[in-house]
Amino acid sequence: MSNRELRYIDDAVADAASFARFFDGAHAGFYIGTLDEAASATLSANAHLKLILGYPPELPDTQVRPFDPPRFVDPEARASLLERLRKAGSVSNHLLRLRRLDNSIAWVEVTASAEPAPGEGLRVEAILSDVGERRKLDNQSRDIQAQLLQAEKMAALGHTISGVAHELNNPLATILSWAERLSDHPPDEKTRRGLAVILGEAERAARIVRNLLTFARKRQSTRAMVDVNQVVKETLALRTYEQRVSNLTLIEALASGLPQVFADAHQIKQVLLNLVINAEQAMLTAHGRGTLVVRTWHDPDKGNVLLEINDDGPGVTPEVESRIFDPFFTTKEVGKGTGLGLSVAYALVQEHGGRIWVRSEGHAGASFFVELPVAMRPAPTPGASPAPPASISLDRFKGARVLVVEDEPALAVAVSEALGDAGFVVDRAGDGEEGLTRLAEQSYELIVCDLKMPRIDGMQFYRAMAAATPALARRVIFVTGDVAGTDAERFLEETGCRWLSKPFRLGDLLRAARDTLS
């Protein structure tokens, strides 16, 4: 053999050794083998492919078979891969879910070329890349996008709902006021019962409107340092009887030493109660029984307290999951739910600077998570209002002149007559413009004024009145069906005047009148 031939052989051996080192040392899975409809056979598989699929490194290459039918999470995906390889002869960045040796799932992208093999099979040379981390980041990005989209929907609907609530609260306030006045002197027992029903149903409708306003982030809250575990215990205590008679088991796993959060305890209870009742109904509908797990823990890295409500119900499909916090969306039968519970929970958690989301694995139940930021106690506000004065009888103010500025005639009559029955001398004005005319003609000790009115509204009326008669500026009670909407909220804070949210009880109005005059 000539020297030239020997050098050629040496070079070939060196090239083969270099290729072998590259093949085994590459940070991608290399596969060479054959595939057909029923099975696969492996000729070569490198170390990184074994790592991706959870095979021990010493396992013979022939026993590493990533493309065998049992390795595919989706059986149709294997048939689709074979079809594409036969038709096009290659695939590029083809996404697959494959089962590792321990049956966990690996997301991989396959770039492969194929040519016919003896029989019906294909000879395939493929590169497999593990894209699990990238999928996780993509999912997180989608979660953030979904939260932003949800927030945009909430903001858009909030403006609409605020106006709708105002329109509903005006007739509700009228119904409540007249029913309350008539119930003071019912002519007979049957009428008394009827008025009680009207009062009860009107208050029920008012609660629904308050839920709408809460969803629209239009409701003021009173916040303090709150022990989340205590709120959880108090809320779950409300469901003890229902859970016991409904074959539901409760497991509490509350972490000790949780830092407090700055929150409205009542609103957090409302969030938790909505989530618990939702979980109970899901389990009872699916199985007639179930186990509810409520957990809390602290994430010091993020500075958050987390709450989980887990059920073993039917779970949440991806289609439902994408809409589950939408207002008026419900999977319950007609009449079984309003579709507002989870929307209200979402709005309240967002208002607290927190986050709420759901996870569900097929039919293995669902977990709702609430994340609330840990906060330090805020410093007291300088010049805070003193405690309210002690109770004072209205007899002291009999004969005091009151101006009622209200554009809803029926409500204005009910309020005026209630104040008149309490001993006040009452005049009425249908809007702010008429109210200013009355003020120019007569002096008053108290004004009861709606905020939203045609022509001159409550804010414009107040500013003109305060400029003309500054002594009367702190003797105004505002009533409004749109409680805390941006400009109105700032206005009420600036004036320091008392205000009542429609619909209100006449007793609350009389107490506000007494406190304002005193």
Protein backbone atom coordinates (compact mmCIF):
# COMPACT_ATOMS: atom_id res chain seq x y z
CA MET A 1 0.00 0.00 0.00
CA SER A 2 1.39 3.39 -0.98
CA ASN A 3 2.11 6.22 1.39
CA ARG A 4 -0.63 8.25 -0.27
CA GLU A 5 -3.20 5.53 0.39
CA LEU A 6 -2.04 5.22 4.01
CA ARG A 7 -2.42 8.99 4.51
CA TYR A 8 -5.92 8.82 2.99
CA ILE A 9 -6.89 6.08 5.45
CA ASP A 10 -5.42 8.02 8.37
CA ASP A 11 -7.36 11.13 7.35
CA ALA A 12 -10.57 9.14 7.04
CA VAL A 13 -10.05 7.62 10.51
CA ALA A 14 -9.35 11.10 11.94
CA ASP A 15 -12.47 12.50 10.25
CA ALA A 16 -14.56 9.67 11.63
CA ALA A 17 -13.17 10.24 15.11
CA SER A 18 -13.89 14.01 14.84
CA PHE A 19 -17.43 13.30 13.69
CA ALA A 20 -17.94 10.87 16.55
CA ARG A 21 -16.75 13.47 19.06
CA PHE A 22 -19.04 16.08 17.50
CA PHE A 23 -21.96 13.63 17.37
CA ASP A 24 -21.67 12.72 21.05
CA GLY A 25 -20.66 16.15 22.38
CA ALA A 26 -23.25 18.32 20.62
CA HIS A 27 -25.85 20.15 22.73
CA ALA A 28 -28.67 18.83 20.57
CA GLY A 29 -30.18 15.40 20.21
CA PHE A 30 -28.97 13.51 17.12
CA TYR A 31 -30.93 10.52 15.82
CA ILE A 32 -30.43 8.17 12.90
CA GLY A 33 -32.88 5.33 12.36
CA THR A 34 -35.90 4.00 10.48
CA LEU A 35 -39.62 4.64 10.99
CA ASP A 36 -42.75 2.94 9.73
CA GLU A 37 -46.43 2.97 10.70
CA ALA A 38 -46.04 0.51 13.59
CA ALA A 39 -42.56 1.00 15.08
CA SER A 40 -39.08 2.44 14.76
CA ALA A 41 -35.50 1.15 14.84
CA THR A 42 -32.52 3.21 16.01
CA LEU A 43 -29.10 3.06 14.38
CA SER A 44 -27.45 5.91 16.33
CA ALA A 45 -28.47 8.22 19.16
CA ASN A 46 -26.10 10.66 20.83
CA ALA A 47 -25.68 11.39 24.55
CA HIS A 48 -27.70 14.61 24.50
CA LEU A 49 -30.71 12.85 23.00
CA LYS A 50 -30.57 10.37 25.88
CA LEU A 51 -30.40 13.30 28.29
CA ILE A 52 -33.43 15.00 26.74
CA LEU A 53 -35.52 11.83 26.94
CA GLY A 54 -34.30 10.69 30.36
CA TYR A 55 -32.38 7.58 29.21
CA PRO A 56 -29.24 6.53 31.12
CA PRO A 57 -26.09 7.44 29.17
CA GLU A 58 -24.80 3.85 29.16
CA LEU A 59 -27.96 2.51 27.45
CA PRO A 60 -27.20 1.07 23.97
CA ASP A 61 -28.25 3.35 21.13
CA THR A 62 -30.56 0.71 19.66
CA GLN A 63 -32.75 0.86 22.79
CA VAL A 64 -33.30 4.63 22.50
CA ARG A 65 -36.44 4.88 20.40
CA PRO A 66 -37.97 8.38 20.65
CA PHE A 67 -40.26 7.81 17.67
CA ASP A 68 -41.94 4.60 18.85
CA PRO A 69 -45.75 5.04 19.05
CA PRO A 70 -45.91 4.85 22.91
CA ARG A 71 -43.52 7.82 23.17
CA PHE A 72 -46.00 10.21 21.53
CA VAL A 73 -48.40 12.07 23.83
CA ASP A 74 -50.68 12.72 20.86
CA PRO A 75 -51.02 9.58 18.65
CA GLU A 76 -52.17 11.72 15.70
CA ALA A 77 -48.92 13.67 15.88
CA ARG A 78 -46.88 10.61 14.86
CA ALA A 79 -49.04 9.95 11.84
CA SER A 80 -48.78 13.61 10.86
CA LEU A 81 -44.96 13.54 11.17
CA LEU A 82 -44.68 10.43 8.97
CA GLU A 83 -47.00 11.92 6.37
CA ARG A 84 -44.99 15.14 6.16
CA LEU A 85 -41.69 13.25 5.90
CA ARG A 86 -43.07 11.07 3.09
CA LYS A 87 -44.51 13.99 1.11
CA ALA A 88 -41.84 16.65 1.63
CA GLY A 89 -38.84 14.53 2.54
CA SER A 90 -38.08 16.79 5.52
CA VAL A 91 -39.50 18.82 8.38
CA SER A 92 -38.10 21.91 10.08
CA ASN A 93 -38.71 22.94 13.71
CA HIS A 94 -41.62 20.52 13.94
CA LEU A 95 -43.04 20.73 17.49
CA LEU A 96 -43.82 17.47 19.31
CA ARG A 97 -44.70 16.30 22.82
CA LEU A 98 -42.77 13.13 23.61
CA ARG A 99 -42.78 10.97 26.72
CA ARG A 100 -39.51 10.60 28.55
CA LEU A 101 -38.46 7.28 30.05
CA ASP A 102 -40.22 8.23 33.34
CA ASN A 103 -43.37 9.22 31.37
CA SER A 104 -42.93 12.94 32.03
CA ILE A 105 -43.52 15.14 29.00
CA ALA A 106 -40.78 16.78 26.92
CA TRP A 107 -41.50 19.51 24.39
CA VAL A 108 -39.10 19.04 21.46
CA GLU A 109 -38.58 20.58 18.05
CA VAL A 110 -37.56 18.16 15.31
CA THR A 111 -35.62 19.09 12.17
CA ALA A 112 -35.25 15.97 9.99
CA SER A 113 -34.69 14.64 6.52
CA ALA A 114 -36.01 11.30 5.25
CA GLU A 115 -35.64 8.92 2.33
CA PRO A 116 -37.37 5.65 1.54
CA ALA A 117 -35.97 2.58 3.31
CA PRO A 118 -36.47 -1.05 2.30
CA GLY A 119 -40.11 -2.01 2.75
CA GLU A 120 -42.63 0.67 3.71
CA GLY A 121 -40.41 2.57 6.14
CA LEU A 122 -38.30 5.71 6.05
CA ARG A 123 -34.68 6.24 6.91
CA VAL A 124 -34.60 9.37 9.07
CA GLU A 125 -31.76 11.61 10.21
CA ALA A 126 -33.02 14.07 12.82
CA ILE A 127 -31.94 16.77 15.23
CA LEU A 128 -34.12 17.10 18.36
CA SER A 129 -34.02 20.26 20.51
CA ASP A 130 -35.49 20.53 24.00
CA VAL A 131 -37.76 23.62 23.98
CA GLY A 132 -39.46 23.05 27.34
CA GLU A 133 -38.00 26.21 28.93
CA ARG A 134 -38.94 28.27 25.91
CA ARG A 135 -42.50 26.92 26.09
CA LYS A 136 -42.63 27.87 29.77
CA LEU A 137 -41.52 31.44 28.94
CA ASP A 138 -44.07 31.58 26.10
CA ASN A 139 -46.81 30.48 28.50
CA GLN A 140 -45.77 33.13 31.02
CA SER A 141 -45.84 35.74 28.28
CA ARG A 142 -49.32 34.61 27.27
CA ASP A 143 -50.42 34.83 30.92
CA ILE A 144 -49.20 38.43 31.10
CA GLN A 145 -50.93 39.27 27.82
CA ALA A 146 -54.14 37.66 29.07
CA GLN A 147 -53.97 39.69 32.29
CA LEU A 148 -53.44 42.91 30.32
CA LEU A 149 -56.33 42.06 28.03
CA GLN A 150 -58.53 41.28 31.03
CA ALA A 151 -57.58 44.59 32.66
CA GLU A 152 -58.46 46.45 29.45
CA LYS A 153 -61.83 44.71 29.29
CA MET A 154 -62.49 45.59 32.93
CA ALA A 155 -61.61 49.25 32.34
CA ALA A 156 -63.83 49.52 29.27
CA LEU A 157 -66.78 47.80 30.93
CA GLY A 158 -66.25 49.80 34.11
CA HIS A 159 -67.23 53.06 32.42
CA THR A 160 -70.39 51.52 30.96
CA ILE A 161 -71.42 49.74 34.16
CA SER A 162 -70.93 52.89 36.21
CA GLY A 163 -73.55 54.70 34.12
CA VAL A 164 -75.91 51.72 34.15
CA ALA A 165 -75.61 51.43 37.94
CA HIS A 166 -76.46 55.11 38.35
CA GLU A 167 -79.59 54.70 36.25
CA LEU A 168 -80.64 51.60 38.23
CA ASN A 169 -79.89 53.15 41.62
CA ASN A 170 -82.22 56.09 41.08
CA PRO A 171 -85.44 54.01 40.74
CA LEU A 172 -84.18 51.61 43.42
CA ALA A 173 -83.70 54.53 45.80
CA THR A 174 -87.23 55.69 45.05
CA ILE A 175 -88.72 52.22 45.60
CA LEU A 176 -86.86 51.74 48.88
CA SER A 177 -87.75 55.19 50.16
CA TRP A 178 -91.47 54.91 49.40
CA ALA A 179 -91.70 51.33 50.65
CA GLU A 180 -89.98 52.41 53.86
CA ARG A 181 -92.33 55.38 54.31
CA LEU A 182 -95.46 53.34 53.60
CA SER A 183 -94.36 50.54 55.94
CA ASP A 184 -94.39 53.00 58.86
CA HIS A 185 -98.21 53.10 58.68
CA PRO A 186 -99.48 49.95 56.88
CA PRO A 187 -103.29 49.79 56.72
CA ASP A 188 -103.48 46.01 57.22
CA GLU A 189 -101.37 42.86 57.69
CA LYS A 190 -101.49 41.87 54.02
CA THR A 191 -100.15 45.28 52.93
CA ARG A 192 -97.46 45.10 55.63
CA ARG A 193 -96.25 41.75 54.26
CA GLY A 194 -96.29 43.10 50.71
CA LEU A 195 -94.24 46.14 51.69
CA ALA A 196 -91.76 43.89 53.50
CA VAL A 197 -91.34 41.87 50.30
CA ILE A 198 -90.84 45.05 48.26
CA LEU A 199 -88.21 46.28 50.71
CA GLY A 200 -86.40 42.92 50.70
CA GLU A 201 -86.37 42.54 46.93
CA ALA A 202 -85.30 46.15 46.39
CA GLU A 203 -82.39 45.63 48.77
CA ARG A 204 -81.53 42.42 46.92
CA ALA A 205 -81.43 44.36 43.64
CA ALA A 206 -79.31 47.01 45.36
CA ARG A 207 -76.77 44.34 46.36
CA ILE A 208 -76.52 43.20 42.74
CA VAL A 209 -75.87 46.79 41.67
CA ARG A 210 -73.21 47.12 44.39
CA ASN A 211 -71.56 43.99 42.95
CA LEU A 212 -71.59 45.67 39.55
CA LEU A 213 -69.99 48.78 41.01
CA THR A 214 -67.41 46.66 42.83
CA PHE A 215 -66.58 44.96 39.53
CA ALA A 216 -66.27 48.41 37.95
CA ARG A 217 -63.95 49.50 40.80
CA LYS A 218 -66.33 52.20 41.87
CA ARG A 219 -66.72 51.30 45.52
CA GLN A 220 -64.72 52.83 48.34
CA SER A 221 -62.96 50.49 50.72
CA THR A 222 -61.70 50.77 54.27
CA ARG A 223 -58.26 49.19 54.60
CA ALA A 224 -56.18 48.18 57.58
CA MET A 225 -53.42 45.71 58.44
CA VAL A 226 -55.06 42.30 58.00
CA ASP A 227 -54.11 38.77 59.05
CA VAL A 228 -54.98 36.72 55.96
CA ASN A 229 -55.21 33.47 57.97
CA GLN A 230 -57.78 35.05 60.29
CA VAL A 231 -59.83 36.25 57.32
CA VAL A 232 -59.67 32.73 55.85
CA LYS A 233 -60.83 31.12 59.10
CA GLU A 234 -63.72 33.56 59.54
CA THR A 235 -64.84 33.05 55.93
CA LEU A 236 -64.64 29.26 56.04
CA ALA A 237 -66.64 29.27 59.28
CA LEU A 238 -69.55 30.70 57.27
CA ARG A 239 -69.54 27.57 55.08
CA THR A 240 -69.12 24.92 57.80
CA TYR A 241 -72.77 23.86 57.94
CA GLU A 242 -73.28 23.85 54.16
CA GLN A 243 -70.16 21.77 53.64
CA ARG A 244 -71.12 19.28 56.33
CA VAL A 245 -74.61 18.59 54.93
CA SER A 246 -73.30 18.49 51.33
CA ASN A 247 -70.65 15.75 51.85
CA LEU A 248 -67.79 18.19 51.32
CA THR A 249 -64.49 17.78 53.17
CA LEU A 250 -62.41 20.83 54.03
CA ILE A 251 -58.62 20.69 54.50
CA GLU A 252 -56.91 23.80 55.87
CA ALA A 253 -53.17 24.21 55.29
CA LEU A 254 -52.48 27.70 56.61
CA ALA A 255 -48.86 28.72 57.00
CA SER A 256 -47.87 30.12 60.40
CA GLY A 257 -46.14 33.47 60.77
CA LEU A 258 -47.66 35.09 57.68
CA PRO A 259 -46.91 38.83 57.42
CA GLN A 260 -49.98 41.05 57.39
CA VAL A 261 -51.32 42.74 54.27
CA PHE A 262 -52.87 46.20 53.96
CA ALA A 263 -56.36 45.35 52.76
CA ASP A 264 -60.10 45.68 53.21
CA ALA A 265 -60.90 42.55 55.23
CA HIS A 266 -64.54 42.59 54.09
CA GLN A 267 -63.54 42.64 50.42
CA ILE A 268 -60.97 39.87 50.88
CA LYS A 269 -63.70 37.79 52.54
CA GLN A 270 -65.91 38.47 49.54
CA VAL A 271 -63.17 37.26 47.18
CA LEU A 272 -62.59 34.10 49.22
CA LEU A 273 -66.30 33.41 49.65
CA ASN A 274 -66.87 33.70 45.89
CA LEU A 275 -64.02 31.27 45.18
CA VAL A 276 -65.10 28.77 47.86
CA ILE A 277 -68.74 28.72 46.77
CA ASN A 278 -67.67 28.37 43.13
CA ALA A 279 -65.49 25.37 44.05
CA GLU A 280 -68.26 23.78 46.14
CA GLN A 281 -70.78 24.06 43.31
CA ALA A 282 -68.32 22.61 40.80
CA MET A 283 -67.64 19.55 42.98
CA LEU A 284 -71.29 18.94 43.87
CA THR A 285 -72.39 19.25 40.24
CA ALA A 286 -69.71 16.79 39.09
CA HIS A 287 -69.64 14.18 41.90
CA GLY A 288 -72.15 15.10 44.58
CA ARG A 289 -69.24 15.32 47.03
CA GLY A 290 -65.64 16.49 47.10
CA THR A 291 -62.59 17.76 48.97
CA LEU A 292 -61.71 21.44 49.24
CA VAL A 293 -58.13 22.42 50.14
CA VAL A 294 -57.36 25.97 51.27
CA ARG A 295 -53.67 26.88 51.60
CA THR A 296 -51.74 30.03 52.46
CA TRP A 297 -48.02 30.74 52.28
CA HIS A 298 -45.53 33.60 52.07
CA ASP A 299 -43.23 34.27 49.12
CA PRO A 300 -40.46 36.45 50.63
CA ASP A 301 -38.68 36.88 47.27
CA LYS A 302 -41.71 38.59 45.73
CA GLY A 303 -42.99 40.09 48.99
CA ASN A 304 -46.41 38.48 48.59
CA VAL A 305 -48.86 36.40 50.58
CA LEU A 306 -50.55 33.72 48.49
CA LEU A 307 -53.85 31.94 48.93
CA GLU A 308 -54.89 28.80 47.05
CA ILE A 309 -58.38 27.30 46.82
CA ASN A 310 -58.16 23.81 45.30
CA ASP A 311 -61.06 21.51 44.44
CA ASP A 312 -61.34 18.02 42.97
CA GLY A 313 -64.21 18.95 40.68
CA PRO A 314 -64.43 18.57 36.89
CA GLY A 315 -61.64 21.05 36.18
CA VAL A 316 -61.62 23.98 33.78
CA THR A 317 -61.23 23.62 30.03
CA PRO A 318 -58.85 25.99 28.19
CA GLU A 319 -61.86 27.61 26.50
CA VAL A 320 -63.55 28.35 29.85
CA GLU A 321 -60.24 29.35 31.48
CA SER A 322 -59.75 32.17 28.96
CA ARG A 323 -63.16 33.66 29.86
CA ILE A 324 -63.65 32.62 33.47
CA PHE A 325 -63.16 36.14 34.91
CA ASP A 326 -65.33 37.83 32.27
CA PRO A 327 -68.45 39.51 33.68
CA PHE A 328 -71.71 37.62 33.14
CA PHE A 329 -69.87 34.53 31.87
CA THR A 330 -71.09 31.38 33.60
CA THR A 331 -71.17 27.65 32.88
CA LYS A 332 -74.08 27.15 35.28
CA GLU A 333 -77.67 26.56 34.27
CA VAL A 334 -79.94 29.53 33.65
CA GLY A 335 -80.99 30.96 36.98
CA LYS A 336 -78.18 29.24 38.90
CA GLY A 337 -75.65 32.07 38.67
CA THR A 338 -75.20 35.66 37.51
CA GLY A 339 -71.65 35.26 36.19
CA LEU A 340 -70.49 38.12 38.42
CA GLY A 341 -68.81 36.28 41.32
CA LEU A 342 -65.40 35.69 39.73
CA SER A 343 -65.49 39.07 37.96
CA VAL A 344 -66.01 40.79 41.30
CA ALA A 345 -63.18 38.73 42.82
CA TYR A 346 -60.87 39.70 39.95
CA ALA A 347 -61.71 43.41 40.32
CA LEU A 348 -61.20 43.39 44.10
CA VAL A 349 -57.84 41.63 43.91
CA GLN A 350 -56.65 44.00 41.18
CA GLU A 351 -57.79 46.96 43.29
CA HIS A 352 -55.57 45.67 46.10
CA GLY A 353 -52.54 45.57 43.78
CA GLY A 354 -52.67 41.77 43.68
CA ARG A 355 -53.21 39.04 41.12
CA ILE A 356 -55.70 36.19 40.70
CA TRP A 357 -55.44 33.27 38.29
CA VAL A 358 -56.62 29.70 37.77
CA ARG A 359 -54.82 26.46 36.92
CA SER A 360 -56.47 23.22 35.91
CA GLU A 361 -55.09 19.90 34.70
CA GLY A 362 -57.84 18.37 32.62
CA HIS A 363 -60.35 16.58 34.83
CA ALA A 364 -58.18 16.70 37.97
CA GLY A 365 -59.95 19.71 39.52
CA ALA A 366 -58.96 23.35 39.58
CA SER A 367 -56.86 25.67 41.74
CA PHE A 368 -57.54 29.38 42.10
CA PHE A 369 -54.63 31.49 43.36
CA VAL A 370 -54.81 34.92 44.98
CA GLU A 371 -51.59 36.90 45.44
CA LEU A 372 -51.60 39.96 47.72
CA PRO A 373 -48.64 42.29 48.33
CA VAL A 374 -47.23 42.58 51.83
CA ALA A 375 -47.31 46.25 52.89
CA MET A 376 -46.24 48.33 55.85
CA ARG A 377 -48.83 50.19 57.90
CA PRO A 378 -49.36 53.64 56.35
CA ALA A 379 -48.62 56.71 58.44
CA PRO A 380 -51.69 58.48 59.87
CA THR A 381 -52.96 61.32 57.72
CA PRO A 382 -52.27 64.75 59.25
CA GLY A 383 -55.40 66.60 60.24
CA ALA A 384 -57.56 63.48 60.22
CA SER A 385 -61.22 64.05 61.05
CA PRO A 386 -62.09 63.75 64.75
CA ALA A 387 -64.43 61.08 66.00
CA PRO A 388 -68.12 61.78 65.28
CA PRO A 389 -70.05 63.50 68.04
CA ALA A 390 -72.29 61.59 70.40
CA SER A 391 -75.84 60.82 69.34
CA ILE A 392 -78.08 63.91 69.35
CA SER A 393 -81.85 63.92 69.08
CA LEU A 394 -83.44 65.44 65.96
CA ASP A 395 -85.81 67.39 68.18
CA ARG A 396 -83.09 70.01 68.54
CA PHE A 397 -83.28 70.78 64.80
CA LYS A 398 -87.04 70.91 64.30
CA GLY A 399 -87.94 73.88 62.17
CA ALA A 400 -84.53 73.94 60.42
CA ARG A 401 -84.89 74.73 56.73
CA VAL A 402 -83.58 72.13 54.26
CA LEU A 403 -83.15 72.35 50.48
CA VAL A 404 -83.43 69.07 48.55
CA VAL A 405 -81.78 69.31 45.10
CA GLU A 406 -82.75 66.15 43.18
CA ASP A 407 -83.75 65.62 39.54
CA GLU A 408 -85.71 62.39 40.21
CA PRO A 409 -89.18 63.73 41.17
CA ALA A 410 -90.46 60.59 42.94
CA LEU A 411 -87.29 60.25 45.03
CA ALA A 412 -87.29 63.99 45.80
CA VAL A 413 -90.86 63.73 47.14
CA ALA A 414 -90.04 60.70 49.33
CA VAL A 415 -86.91 62.35 50.78
CA SER A 416 -88.67 65.68 51.33
CA GLU A 417 -91.64 64.10 53.09
CA ALA A 418 -89.34 61.99 55.31
CA LEU A 419 -87.43 65.12 56.33
CA GLY A 420 -90.71 66.96 56.84
CA ASP A 421 -92.01 64.18 59.11
CA ALA A 422 -88.81 64.55 61.16
CA GLY A 423 -89.61 68.23 61.77
CA PHE A 424 -87.63 69.99 59.05
CA VAL A 425 -89.02 72.68 56.75
CA VAL A 426 -88.23 71.45 53.26
CA ASP A 427 -87.96 73.11 49.84
CA ARG A 428 -87.22 71.24 46.59
CA ALA A 429 -85.22 72.06 43.46
CA GLY A 430 -85.16 69.90 40.31
CA ASP A 431 -81.52 70.60 39.39
CA GLY A 432 -78.52 72.72 40.31
CA GLU A 433 -79.70 75.77 38.42
CA GLU A 434 -83.02 75.86 40.26
CA GLY A 435 -81.14 75.15 43.50
CA LEU A 436 -79.00 78.29 43.07
CA THR A 437 -82.15 80.31 42.43
CA ARG A 438 -83.66 79.01 45.69
CA LEU A 439 -80.48 79.91 47.59
CA ALA A 440 -80.69 83.47 46.30
CA GLU A 441 -84.25 83.75 47.64
CA GLN A 442 -83.96 81.91 50.97
CA SER A 443 -81.35 80.90 53.58
CA TYR A 444 -80.98 77.24 54.57
CA GLU A 445 -79.38 75.28 57.40
CA LEU A 446 -78.87 72.06 55.36
CA ILE A 447 -78.71 70.97 51.72
CA VAL A 448 -79.32 67.45 50.39
CA CYS A 449 -78.00 67.33 46.83
CA ASP A 450 -77.66 64.76 44.06
CA LEU A 451 -74.27 64.68 42.30
CA LYS A 452 -75.42 63.85 38.76
CA MET A 453 -78.06 66.21 37.37
CA PRO A 454 -78.82 67.91 34.04
CA ARG A 455 -77.72 71.48 33.28
CA ILE A 456 -75.83 72.29 36.52
CA ASP A 457 -74.70 69.14 38.36
CA GLY A 458 -73.96 68.72 42.08
CA MET A 459 -70.28 69.66 41.82
CA GLN A 460 -70.97 72.88 39.90
CA PHE A 461 -73.81 73.73 42.26
CA TYR A 462 -71.58 73.19 45.31
CA ARG A 463 -68.77 75.41 44.03
CA ALA A 464 -71.16 78.26 43.23
CA MET A 465 -72.96 77.85 46.57
CA ALA A 466 -69.70 77.69 48.58
CA ALA A 467 -68.44 80.86 46.93
CA ALA A 468 -71.66 82.71 47.77
CA THR A 469 -72.29 81.29 51.26
CA PRO A 470 -69.08 79.74 52.69
CA ALA A 471 -70.73 78.98 56.06
CA LEU A 472 -73.08 76.52 54.32
CA ALA A 473 -70.27 74.63 52.54
CA ARG A 474 -69.92 72.02 55.30
CA ARG A 475 -73.68 71.53 55.70
CA VAL A 476 -74.23 69.58 52.49
CA ILE A 477 -75.12 65.90 52.16
CA PHE A 478 -74.53 64.47 48.70
CA VAL A 479 -76.42 61.47 47.35
CA THR A 480 -75.25 59.62 44.27
CA GLY A 481 -75.81 56.40 42.35
CA ASP A 482 -72.24 56.44 41.05
CA VAL A 483 -70.30 56.23 44.28
CA ALA A 484 -66.62 56.72 43.62
CA GLY A 485 -65.90 57.60 40.05
CA THR A 486 -62.62 59.48 39.45
CA ASP A 487 -63.67 63.17 39.47
CA ALA A 488 -66.53 62.56 41.90
CA GLU A 489 -64.25 60.69 44.30
CA ARG A 490 -61.69 63.50 44.35
CA PHE A 491 -64.44 66.07 44.70
CA LEU A 492 -65.97 64.34 47.75
CA GLU A 493 -62.55 64.03 49.38
CA GLU A 494 -61.79 67.71 48.78
CA THR A 495 -65.08 68.99 50.19
CA GLY A 496 -65.14 66.68 53.21
CA CYS A 497 -68.95 66.57 52.94
CA ARG A 498 -70.95 63.54 53.96
CA TRP A 499 -72.47 61.48 51.17
CA LEU A 500 -74.85 58.56 50.78
CA SER A 501 -74.79 55.94 48.06
CA LYS A 502 -78.11 55.29 46.32
CA PRO A 503 -80.18 53.39 47.18
CA PHE A 504 -80.09 54.44 50.83
CA ARG A 505 -82.45 53.97 53.77
CA LEU A 506 -84.27 57.03 55.06
CA GLY A 507 -82.93 56.30 58.53
CA ASP A 508 -79.38 56.71 57.18
CA LEU A 509 -80.35 60.06 55.66
CA LEU A 510 -81.83 61.31 58.95
CA ARG A 511 -78.71 60.25 60.86
CA ALA A 512 -76.51 62.03 58.31
CA ALA A 513 -78.68 65.16 58.67
CA ARG A 514 -78.40 65.02 62.46
CA ASP A 515 -74.60 64.57 62.37
CA THR A 516 -74.10 67.32 59.78
CA LEU A 517 -76.17 69.87 61.69
CA SER A 518 -74.56 68.98 65.01
